[in-house]
C-alpha cells in the first residue's frame, strides 16, 4: 500500500476522529507529525485541525527527540528479541524442518 494523501485523510477520519471524540471537552488534543511530505499537505493539516486537534510539525532529524519510548524501550526490546530469534534460528539443524511447538 502506498502512503499518500488519501490514506492520511482516511486515517484522520476513521482513526483520529473517533479517538478525539473521546477526549474531555476541556482538552485540546495535539498531534505531532514529522516532516514527511504527505503530513505537510494543506489538506491534511486542515482535516486534522477541523477535528479541533492542534498540529505541530517536528523538524527534520528531530523525530527521535519526541519518541523517547521508541528509543529507550522499544528499540532495545526489538533488538534483544531479534538477537534471541536469530540465535535460535541459527542453532537449528539445517537438515531438519523447523517445527513450532504448540
PDB file of N, CA and C in Angstrom:
ATOM      1  N   UNK A   1       0.849  -1.169   0.000  1.00  0.00           N
ATOM      2  CA  UNK A   1       0.000   0.000   0.000  1.00  0.00           C
ATOM      3  C   UNK A   1       0.895   1.233   0.000  1.00  0.00           C
ATOM      4  N   UNK A   2       0.517   2.194  -0.774  1.00  0.00           N
ATOM      5  CA  UNK A   2       1.260   3.439  -0.855  1.00  0.00           C
ATOM      6  C   UNK A   2       0.684   4.433   0.153  1.00  0.00           C
ATOM      7  N   UNK A   3       1.567   5.059   0.901  1.00  0.00           N
ATOM      8  CA  UNK A   3       1.119   6.038   1.894  1.00  0.00           C
ATOM      9  C   UNK A   3       1.025   7.389   1.199  1.00  0.00           C
ATOM     10  N   UNK A   4      -0.198   7.828   0.966  1.00  0.00           N
ATOM     11  CA  UNK A   4      -0.392   9.080   0.252  1.00  0.00           C
ATOM     12  C   UNK A   4      -1.468   9.920   0.943  1.00  0.00           C
ATOM     13  N   UNK A   5      -1.867  10.993   0.290  1.00  0.00           N
ATOM     14  CA  UNK A   5      -2.849  11.902   0.860  1.00  0.00           C
ATOM     15  C   UNK A   5      -4.154  11.188   1.208  1.00  0.00           C
ATOM     16  N   UNK A   6      -4.618  10.308   0.320  1.00  0.00           N
ATOM     17  CA  UNK A   6      -5.867   9.590   0.566  1.00  0.00           C
ATOM     18  C   UNK A   6      -5.804   8.711   1.804  1.00  0.00           C
ATOM     19  N   UNK A   7      -4.687   8.033   1.986  1.00  0.00           N
ATOM     20  CA  UNK A   7      -4.518   7.176   3.161  1.00  0.00           C
ATOM     21  C   UNK A   7      -4.516   8.025   4.431  1.00  0.00           C
ATOM     22  N   UNK A   8      -3.833   9.150   4.386  1.00  0.00           N
ATOM     23  CA  UNK A   8      -3.752  10.014   5.572  1.00  0.00           C
ATOM     24  C   UNK A   8      -5.121  10.614   5.900  1.00  0.00           C
ATOM     25  N   UNK A   9      -5.860  11.015   4.879  1.00  0.00           N
ATOM     26  CA  UNK A   9      -7.202  11.553   5.118  1.00  0.00           C
ATOM     27  C   UNK A   9      -8.130  10.468   5.667  1.00  0.00           C
ATOM     28  N   UNK A  10      -7.993   9.256   5.141  1.00  0.00           N
ATOM     29  CA  UNK A  10      -8.781   8.117   5.654  1.00  0.00           C
ATOM     30  C   UNK A  10      -8.445   7.881   7.131  1.00  0.00           C
ATOM     31  N   UNK A  11      -7.162   7.911   7.467  1.00  0.00           N
ATOM     32  CA  UNK A  11      -6.731   7.724   8.860  1.00  0.00           C
ATOM     33  C   UNK A  11      -7.325   8.806   9.753  1.00  0.00           C
ATOM     34  N   UNK A  12      -7.285  10.054   9.283  1.00  0.00           N
ATOM     35  CA  UNK A  12      -7.825  11.152  10.090  1.00  0.00           C
ATOM     36  C   UNK A  12      -9.311  10.956  10.368  1.00  0.00           C
ATOM     37  N   UNK A  13     -10.037  10.513   9.358  1.00  0.00           N
ATOM     38  CA  UNK A  13     -11.492  10.342   9.507  1.00  0.00           C
ATOM     39  C   UNK A  13     -11.865   9.100  10.317  1.00  0.00           C
ATOM     40  N   UNK A  14     -11.168   8.000  10.085  1.00  0.00           N
ATOM     41  CA  UNK A  14     -11.592   6.722  10.670  1.00  0.00           C
ATOM     42  C   UNK A  14     -10.826   6.292  11.919  1.00  0.00           C
ATOM     43  N   UNK A  15      -9.694   6.904  12.168  1.00  0.00           N
ATOM     44  CA  UNK A  15      -8.913   6.550  13.355  1.00  0.00           C
ATOM     45  C   UNK A  15      -8.817   7.733  14.314  1.00  0.00           C
ATOM     46  N   UNK A  16      -8.327   8.847  13.805  1.00  0.00           N
ATOM     47  CA  UNK A  16      -8.125  10.013  14.670  1.00  0.00           C
ATOM     48  C   UNK A  16      -9.450  10.596  15.159  1.00  0.00           C
ATOM     49  N   UNK A  17     -10.410  10.783  14.279  1.00  0.00           N
ATOM     50  CA  UNK A  17     -11.686  11.410  14.667  1.00  0.00           C
ATOM     51  C   UNK A  17     -12.392  10.647  15.787  1.00  0.00           C
ATOM     52  N   UNK A  18     -12.557   9.322  15.687  1.00  0.00           N
ATOM     53  CA  UNK A  18     -13.209   8.606  16.799  1.00  0.00           C
ATOM     54  C   UNK A  18     -12.416   8.698  18.104  1.00  0.00           C
ATOM     55  N   UNK A  19     -11.100   8.683  18.002  1.00  0.00           N
ATOM     56  CA  UNK A  19     -10.274   8.789  19.204  1.00  0.00           C
ATOM     57  C   UNK A  19     -10.434  10.159  19.845  1.00  0.00           C
ATOM     58  N   UNK A  20     -10.397  11.201  19.045  1.00  0.00           N
ATOM     59  CA  UNK A  20     -10.526  12.570  19.554  1.00  0.00           C
ATOM     60  C   UNK A  20     -11.906  12.787  20.167  1.00  0.00           C
ATOM     61  N   UNK A  21     -12.903  12.124  19.625  1.00  0.00           N
ATOM     62  CA  UNK A  21     -14.268  12.266  20.142  1.00  0.00           C
ATOM     63  C   UNK A  21     -14.378  11.811  21.592  1.00  0.00           C
ATOM     64  N   UNK A  22     -13.438  11.000  22.059  1.00  0.00           N
ATOM     65  CA  UNK A  22     -13.473  10.517  23.447  1.00  0.00           C
ATOM     66  C   UNK A  22     -12.749  11.462  24.413  1.00  0.00           C
ATOM     67  N   UNK A  23     -12.094  12.493  23.875  1.00  0.00           N
ATOM     68  CA  UNK A  23     -11.341  13.420  24.733  1.00  0.00           C
ATOM     69  C   UNK A  23     -12.299  14.309  25.520  1.00  0.00           C
ATOM     70  N   UNK A  24     -11.956  14.614  26.756  1.00  0.00           N
ATOM     71  CA  UNK A  24     -12.786  15.552  27.527  1.00  0.00           C
ATOM     72  C   UNK A  24     -12.861  16.908  26.814  1.00  0.00           C
ATOM     73  N   UNK A  25     -13.967  17.596  26.991  1.00  0.00           N
ATOM     74  CA  UNK A  25     -14.210  18.866  26.301  1.00  0.00           C
ATOM     75  C   UNK A  25     -13.116  19.889  26.598  1.00  0.00           C
ATOM     76  N   UNK A  26     -12.570  19.881  27.792  1.00  0.00           N
ATOM     77  CA  UNK A  26     -11.571  20.891  28.162  1.00  0.00           C
ATOM     78  C   UNK A  26     -10.172  20.586  27.615  1.00  0.00           C
ATOM     79  N   UNK A  27      -9.997  19.438  26.979  1.00  0.00           N
ATOM     80  CA  UNK A  27      -8.702  19.039  26.439  1.00  0.00           C
ATOM     81  C   UNK A  27      -8.607  19.431  24.971  1.00  0.00           C
ATOM     82  N   UNK A  28      -7.488  20.047  24.603  1.00  0.00           N
ATOM     83  CA  UNK A  28      -7.200  20.317  23.195  1.00  0.00           C
ATOM     84  C   UNK A  28      -6.146  19.295  22.770  1.00  0.00           C
ATOM     85  N   UNK A  29      -6.553  18.305  21.989  1.00  0.00           N
ATOM     86  CA  UNK A  29      -5.585  17.290  21.559  1.00  0.00           C
ATOM     87  C   UNK A  29      -4.503  17.915  20.680  1.00  0.00           C
ATOM     88  N   UNK A  30      -3.309  17.380  20.764  1.00  0.00           N
ATOM     89  CA  UNK A  30      -2.197  17.841  19.938  1.00  0.00           C
ATOM     90  C   UNK A  30      -1.605  16.629  19.227  1.00  0.00           C
ATOM     91  N   UNK A  31      -1.286  16.797  17.962  1.00  0.00           N
ATOM     92  CA  UNK A  31      -0.714  15.721  17.162  1.00  0.00           C
ATOM     93  C   UNK A  31       0.623  16.194  16.618  1.00  0.00           C
ATOM     94  N   UNK A  32       1.667  15.450  16.940  1.00  0.00           N
ATOM     95  CA  UNK A  32       2.995  15.742  16.431  1.00  0.00           C
ATOM     96  C   UNK A  32       3.224  14.898  15.181  1.00  0.00           C
ATOM     97  N   UNK A  33       3.535  15.557  14.093  1.00  0.00           N
ATOM     98  CA  UNK A  33       3.820  14.874  12.836  1.00  0.00           C
ATOM     99  C   UNK A  33       5.243  15.193  12.410  1.00  0.00           C
ATOM    100  N   UNK A  34       5.923  14.213  11.815  1.00  0.00           N
ATOM    101  CA  UNK A  34       7.247  14.518  11.300  1.00  0.00           C
ATOM    102  C   UNK A  34       7.118  15.275   9.980  1.00  0.00           C
ATOM    103  N   UNK A  35       8.211  15.630   9.398  1.00  0.00           N
ATOM    104  CA  UNK A  35       8.209  16.479   8.203  1.00  0.00           C
ATOM    105  C   UNK A  35       8.036  15.698   6.906  1.00  0.00           C
ATOM    106  N   UNK A  36       7.443  14.540   6.971  1.00  0.00           N
ATOM    107  CA  UNK A  36       7.124  13.743   5.787  1.00  0.00           C
ATOM    108  C   UNK A  36       6.221  14.579   4.885  1.00  0.00           C
ATOM    109  N   UNK A  37       6.476  14.569   3.592  1.00  0.00           N
ATOM    110  CA  UNK A  37       5.766  15.482   2.687  1.00  0.00           C
ATOM    111  C   UNK A  37       4.252  15.336   2.726  1.00  0.00           C
ATOM    112  N   UNK A  38       3.742  14.123   2.913  1.00  0.00           N
ATOM    113  CA  UNK A  38       2.288  13.938   2.988  1.00  0.00           C
ATOM    114  C   UNK A  38       1.726  14.628   4.232  1.00  0.00           C
ATOM    115  N   UNK A  39       2.455  14.564   5.340  1.00  0.00           N
ATOM    116  CA  UNK A  39       1.998  15.217   6.567  1.00  0.00           C
ATOM    117  C   UNK A  39       1.916  16.729   6.407  1.00  0.00           C
ATOM    118  N   UNK A  40       2.728  17.270   5.519  1.00  0.00           N
ATOM    119  CA  UNK A  40       2.829  18.723   5.366  1.00  0.00           C
ATOM    120  C   UNK A  40       1.777  19.301   4.410  1.00  0.00           C
ATOM    121  N   UNK A  41       0.997  18.459   3.768  1.00  0.00           N
ATOM    122  CA  UNK A  41      -0.019  18.941   2.826  1.00  0.00           C
ATOM    123  C   UNK A  41      -1.092  19.751   3.550  1.00  0.00           C
ATOM    124  N   UNK A  42      -1.532  20.819   2.915  1.00  0.00           N
ATOM    125  CA  UNK A  42      -2.565  21.668   3.495  1.00  0.00           C
ATOM    126  C   UNK A  42      -3.854  20.923   3.769  1.00  0.00           C
ATOM    127  N   UNK A  43      -4.217  20.003   2.881  1.00  0.00           N
ATOM    128  CA  UNK A  43      -5.465  19.239   3.068  1.00  0.00           C
ATOM    129  C   UNK A  43      -5.402  18.371   4.324  1.00  0.00           C
ATOM    130  N   UNK A  44      -4.217  17.875   4.636  1.00  0.00           N
ATOM    131  CA  UNK A  44      -4.044  17.029   5.820  1.00  0.00           C
ATOM    132  C   UNK A  44      -4.153  17.885   7.075  1.00  0.00           C
ATOM    133  N   UNK A  45      -3.425  18.990   7.083  1.00  0.00           N
ATOM    134  CA  UNK A  45      -3.474  19.893   8.246  1.00  0.00           C
ATOM    135  C   UNK A  45      -4.901  20.383   8.475  1.00  0.00           C
ATOM    136  N   UNK A  46      -5.583  20.729   7.404  1.00  0.00           N
ATOM    137  CA  UNK A  46      -6.961  21.235   7.519  1.00  0.00           C
ATOM    138  C   UNK A  46      -7.896  20.153   8.074  1.00  0.00           C
ATOM    139  N   UNK A  47      -7.773  18.929   7.566  1.00  0.00           N
ATOM    140  CA  UNK A  47      -8.635  17.835   8.043  1.00  0.00           C
ATOM    141  C   UNK A  47      -8.417  17.584   9.531  1.00  0.00           C
ATOM    142  N   UNK A  48      -7.164  17.630   9.961  1.00  0.00           N
ATOM    143  CA  UNK A  48      -6.860  17.381  11.372  1.00  0.00           C
ATOM    144  C   UNK A  48      -7.320  18.548  12.237  1.00  0.00           C
ATOM    145  N   UNK A  49      -7.081  19.758  11.783  1.00  0.00           N
ATOM    146  CA  UNK A  49      -7.495  20.934  12.546  1.00  0.00           C
ATOM    147  C   UNK A  49      -9.011  21.050  12.619  1.00  0.00           C
ATOM    148  N   UNK A  50      -9.707  20.560  11.607  1.00  0.00           N
ATOM    149  CA  UNK A  50     -11.173  20.557  11.635  1.00  0.00           C
ATOM    150  C   UNK A  50     -11.721  19.631  12.718  1.00  0.00           C
ATOM    151  N   UNK A  51     -10.884  18.737  13.219  1.00  0.00           N
ATOM    152  CA  UNK A  51     -11.266  17.860  14.331  1.00  0.00           C
ATOM    153  C   UNK A  51     -10.947  18.502  15.673  1.00  0.00           C
ATOM    154  N   UNK A  52     -10.533  19.772  15.645  1.00  0.00           N
ATOM    155  CA  UNK A  52     -10.135  20.522  16.842  1.00  0.00           C
ATOM    156  C   UNK A  52      -8.860  19.947  17.456  1.00  0.00           C
ATOM    157  N   UNK A  53      -7.983  19.470  16.589  1.00  0.00           N
ATOM    158  CA  UNK A  53      -6.687  18.940  17.010  1.00  0.00           C
ATOM    159  C   UNK A  53      -5.611  19.919  16.563  1.00  0.00           C
ATOM    160  N   UNK A  54      -4.736  20.248  17.487  1.00  0.00           N
ATOM    161  CA  UNK A  54      -3.615  21.128  17.167  1.00  0.00           C
ATOM    162  C   UNK A  54      -2.526  20.291  16.494  1.00  0.00           C
ATOM    163  N   UNK A  55      -2.013  20.776  15.372  1.00  0.00           N
ATOM    164  CA  UNK A  55      -0.970  20.068  14.634  1.00  0.00           C
ATOM    165  C   UNK A  55       0.354  20.782  14.839  1.00  0.00           C
ATOM    166  N   UNK A  56       1.379  20.017  15.200  1.00  0.00           N
ATOM    167  CA  UNK A  56       2.739  20.541  15.322  1.00  0.00           C
ATOM    168  C   UNK A  56       3.649  19.661  14.484  1.00  0.00           C
ATOM    169  N   UNK A  57       4.568  20.289  13.786  1.00  0.00           N
ATOM    170  CA  UNK A  57       5.496  19.553  12.941  1.00  0.00           C
ATOM    171  C   UNK A  57       6.863  19.469  13.607  1.00  0.00           C
ATOM    172  N   UNK A  58       7.422  18.286  13.588  1.00  0.00           N
ATOM    173  CA  UNK A  58       8.737  18.038  14.158  1.00  0.00           C
ATOM    174  C   UNK A  58       9.767  18.319  13.066  1.00  0.00           C
ATOM    175  N   UNK A  59      10.733  19.174  13.338  1.00  0.00           N
ATOM    176  CA  UNK A  59      11.760  19.453  12.324  1.00  0.00           C
ATOM    177  C   UNK A  59      12.520  18.184  11.940  1.00  0.00           C
ATOM    178  N   UNK A  60      13.054  18.169  10.727  1.00  0.00           N
ATOM    179  CA  UNK A  60      13.832  17.035  10.246  1.00  0.00           C
ATOM    180  C   UNK A  60      14.943  16.664  11.217  1.00  0.00           C
ATOM    181  N   UNK A  61      15.209  15.384  11.322  1.00  0.00           N
ATOM    182  CA  UNK A  61      16.255  14.812  12.187  1.00  0.00           C
ATOM    183  C   UNK A  61      15.973  14.985  13.676  1.00  0.00           C
ATOM    184  N   UNK A  62      14.765  15.361  14.034  1.00  0.00           N
ATOM    185  CA  UNK A  62      14.430  15.565  15.448  1.00  0.00           C
ATOM    186  C   UNK A  62      13.334  14.621  15.939  1.00  0.00           C
ATOM    187  N   UNK A  63      12.846  13.731  15.096  1.00  0.00           N
ATOM    188  CA  UNK A  63      11.754  12.842  15.479  1.00  0.00           C
ATOM    189  C   UNK A  63      12.099  12.047  16.736  1.00  0.00           C
ATOM    190  N   UNK A  64      13.331  11.569  16.827  1.00  0.00           N
ATOM    191  CA  UNK A  64      13.744  10.778  17.980  1.00  0.00           C
ATOM    192  C   UNK A  64      13.635  11.511  19.302  1.00  0.00           C
ATOM    193  N   UNK A  65      13.654  12.836  19.258  1.00  0.00           N
ATOM    194  CA  UNK A  65      13.566  13.610  20.495  1.00  0.00           C
ATOM    195  C   UNK A  65      12.184  13.539  21.136  1.00  0.00           C
ATOM    196  N   UNK A  66      11.169  13.230  20.350  1.00  0.00           N
ATOM    197  CA  UNK A  66       9.813  13.126  20.905  1.00  0.00           C
ATOM    198  C   UNK A  66       9.305  11.689  20.916  1.00  0.00           C
ATOM    199  N   UNK A  67      10.152  10.748  20.551  1.00  0.00           N
ATOM    200  CA  UNK A  67       9.779   9.338  20.570  1.00  0.00           C
ATOM    201  C   UNK A  67      10.663   8.586  21.556  1.00  0.00           C
ATOM    202  N   UNK A  68      10.684   9.068  22.776  1.00  0.00           N
ATOM    203  CA  UNK A  68      11.562   8.502  23.788  1.00  0.00           C
ATOM    204  C   UNK A  68      11.256   7.038  24.086  1.00  0.00           C
ATOM    205  N   UNK A  69       9.989   6.665  24.069  1.00  0.00           N
ATOM    206  CA  UNK A  69       9.622   5.269  24.323  1.00  0.00           C
ATOM    207  C   UNK A  69      10.199   4.379  23.224  1.00  0.00           C
ATOM    208  N   UNK A  70      10.094   4.830  21.967  1.00  0.00           N
ATOM    209  CA  UNK A  70      10.666   4.039  20.868  1.00  0.00           C
ATOM    210  C   UNK A  70      12.156   3.849  21.046  1.00  0.00           C
ATOM    211  N   UNK A  71      12.851   4.891  21.434  1.00  0.00           N
ATOM    212  CA  UNK A  71      14.299   4.838  21.557  1.00  0.00           C
ATOM    213  C   UNK A  71      14.719   4.115  22.827  1.00  0.00           C
ATOM    214  N   UNK A  72      14.078   4.441  23.943  1.00  0.00           N
ATOM    215  CA  UNK A  72      14.500   3.913  25.230  1.00  0.00           C
ATOM    216  C   UNK A  72      13.999   2.524  25.562  1.00  0.00           C
ATOM    217  N   UNK A  73      12.840   2.136  25.032  1.00  0.00           N
ATOM    218  CA  UNK A  73      12.256   0.831  25.378  1.00  0.00           C
ATOM    219  C   UNK A  73      12.079  -0.075  24.163  1.00  0.00           C
ATOM    220  N   UNK A  74      11.375   0.412  23.155  1.00  0.00           N
ATOM    221  CA  UNK A  74      11.042  -0.452  22.017  1.00  0.00           C
ATOM    222  C   UNK A  74      12.274  -0.913  21.248  1.00  0.00           C
ATOM    223  N   UNK A  75      13.195  -0.003  20.953  1.00  0.00           N
ATOM    224  CA  UNK A  75      14.364  -0.388  20.168  1.00  0.00           C
ATOM    225  C   UNK A  75      15.204  -1.433  20.889  1.00  0.00           C
ATOM    226  N   UNK A  76      15.557  -1.226  22.164  1.00  0.00           N
ATOM    227  CA  UNK A  76      16.327  -2.269  22.845  1.00  0.00           C
ATOM    228  C   UNK A  76      15.559  -3.604  22.930  1.00  0.00           C
ATOM    229  N   UNK A  77      14.257  -3.545  23.158  1.00  0.00           N
ATOM    230  CA  UNK A  77      13.450  -4.765  23.229  1.00  0.00           C
ATOM    231  C   UNK A  77      13.481  -5.502  21.891  1.00  0.00           C
ATOM    232  N   UNK A  78      13.226  -4.758  20.807  1.00  0.00           N
ATOM    233  CA  UNK A  78      13.219  -5.382  19.479  1.00  0.00           C
ATOM    234  C   UNK A  78      14.593  -5.934  19.122  1.00  0.00           C
ATOM    235  N   UNK A  79      15.639  -5.215  19.463  1.00  0.00           N
ATOM    236  CA  UNK A  79      16.998  -5.697  19.189  1.00  0.00           C
ATOM    237  C   UNK A  79      17.276  -6.988  19.949  1.00  0.00           C
ATOM    238  N   UNK A  80      16.873  -7.031  21.211  1.00  0.00           N
ATOM    239  CA  UNK A  80      17.068  -8.221  22.024  1.00  0.00           C
ATOM    240  C   UNK A  80      16.278  -9.402  21.450  1.00  0.00           C
ATOM    241  N   UNK A  81      15.029  -9.172  21.082  1.00  0.00           N
ATOM    242  CA  UNK A  81      14.210 -10.244  20.511  1.00  0.00           C
ATOM    243  C   UNK A  81      14.800 -10.732  19.186  1.00  0.00           C
ATOM    244  N   UNK A  82      15.312  -9.823  18.380  1.00  0.00           N
ATOM    245  CA  UNK A  82      15.942 -10.207  17.118  1.00  0.00           C
ATOM    246  C   UNK A  82      17.159 -11.083  17.378  1.00  0.00           C
ATOM    247  N   UNK A  83      17.964 -10.695  18.359  1.00  0.00           N
ATOM    248  CA  UNK A  83      19.152 -11.490  18.699  1.00  0.00           C
ATOM    249  C   UNK A  83      18.767 -12.888  19.197  1.00  0.00           C
ATOM    250  N   UNK A  84      17.754 -12.958  20.035  1.00  0.00           N
ATOM    251  CA  UNK A  84      17.301 -14.261  20.557  1.00  0.00           C
ATOM    252  C   UNK A  84      16.785 -15.136  19.418  1.00  0.00           C
ATOM    253  N   UNK A  85      15.950 -14.555  18.558  1.00  0.00           N
ATOM    254  CA  UNK A  85      15.387 -15.316  17.436  1.00  0.00           C
ATOM    255  C   UNK A  85      16.489 -15.766  16.483  1.00  0.00           C
ATOM    256  N   UNK A  86      17.401 -14.860  16.149  1.00  0.00           N
ATOM    257  CA  UNK A  86      18.494 -15.207  15.238  1.00  0.00           C
ATOM    258  C   UNK A  86      19.344 -16.330  15.815  1.00  0.00           C
ATOM    259  N   UNK A  87      19.648 -16.236  17.113  1.00  0.00           N
ATOM    260  CA  UNK A  87      20.407 -17.300  17.770  1.00  0.00           C
ATOM    261  C   UNK A  87      19.688 -18.639  17.709  1.00  0.00           C
ATOM    262  N   UNK A  88      18.386 -18.607  17.987  1.00  0.00           N
ATOM    263  CA  UNK A  88      17.586 -19.833  17.930  1.00  0.00           C
ATOM    264  C   UNK A  88      17.582 -20.406  16.519  1.00  0.00           C
ATOM    265  N   UNK A  89      17.326 -19.524  15.519  1.00  0.00           N
ATOM    266  CA  UNK A  89      17.228 -19.974  14.131  1.00  0.00           C
ATOM    267  C   UNK A  89      18.543 -20.578  13.647  1.00  0.00           C
ATOM    268  N   UNK A  90      19.654 -19.898  13.969  1.00  0.00           N
ATOM    269  CA  UNK A  90      20.955 -20.401  13.531  1.00  0.00           C
ATOM    270  C   UNK A  90      21.345 -21.683  14.265  1.00  0.00           C
ATOM    271  N   UNK A  91      20.741 -21.946  15.397  1.00  0.00           N
ATOM    272  CA  UNK A  91      21.022 -23.153  16.165  1.00  0.00           C
ATOM    273  C   UNK A  91      20.249 -24.373  15.691  1.00  0.00           C
ATOM    274  N   UNK A  92      19.356 -24.201  14.718  1.00  0.00           N
ATOM    275  CA  UNK A  92      18.556 -25.311  14.220  1.00  0.00           C
ATOM    276  C   UNK A  92      19.392 -26.178  13.277  1.00  0.00           C
ATOM    277  N   UNK A  93      19.075 -27.445  13.263  1.00  0.00           N
ATOM    278  CA  UNK A  93      19.736 -28.373  12.342  1.00  0.00           C
ATOM    279  C   UNK A  93      19.205 -28.087  10.932  1.00  0.00           C
ATOM    280  N   UNK A  94      20.101 -27.712   9.994  1.00  0.00           N
ATOM    281  CA  UNK A  94      19.627 -27.368   8.644  1.00  0.00           C
ATOM    282  C   UNK A  94      19.057 -28.558   7.886  1.00  0.00           C
ATOM    283  N   UNK A  95      19.272 -29.762   8.400  1.00  0.00           N
ATOM    284  CA  UNK A  95      18.758 -30.957   7.725  1.00  0.00           C
ATOM    285  C   UNK A  95      17.370 -31.358   8.207  1.00  0.00           C
ATOM    286  N   UNK A  96      16.853 -30.639   9.202  1.00  0.00           N
ATOM    287  CA  UNK A  96      15.539 -30.951   9.746  1.00  0.00           C
ATOM    288  C   UNK A  96      14.585 -29.782   9.514  1.00  0.00           C
ATOM    289  N   UNK A  97      13.290 -30.072   9.350  1.00  0.00           N
ATOM    290  CA  UNK A  97      12.327 -28.963   9.220  1.00  0.00           C
ATOM    291  C   UNK A  97      12.201 -28.219  10.558  1.00  0.00           C
ATOM    292  N   UNK A  98      11.924 -26.951  10.463  1.00  0.00           N
ATOM    293  CA  UNK A  98      11.720 -26.137  11.678  1.00  0.00           C
ATOM    294  C   UNK A  98      10.290 -26.378  12.140  1.00  0.00           C
ATOM    295  N   UNK A  99      10.150 -26.786  13.370  1.00  0.00           N
ATOM    296  CA  UNK A  99       8.836 -27.067  13.949  1.00  0.00           C
ATOM    297  C   UNK A  99       8.517 -26.040  15.018  1.00  0.00           C
ATOM    298  N   UNK A 100       7.301 -25.612  15.054  1.00  0.00           N
ATOM    299  CA  UNK A 100       6.838 -24.716  16.097  1.00  0.00           C
ATOM    300  C   UNK A 100       6.079 -25.555  17.110  1.00  0.00           C
ATOM    301  N   UNK A 101       6.489 -25.479  18.365  1.00  0.00           N
ATOM    302  CA  UNK A 101       5.840 -26.245  19.430  1.00  0.00           C
ATOM    303  C   UNK A 101       4.531 -25.562  19.777  1.00  0.00           C
ATOM    304  N   UNK A 102       3.449 -26.343  19.795  1.00  0.00           N
ATOM    305  CA  UNK A 102       2.140 -25.776  20.118  1.00  0.00           C
ATOM    306  C   UNK A 102       1.794 -26.079  21.549  1.00  0.00           C
TER     307      UNK A 102
END
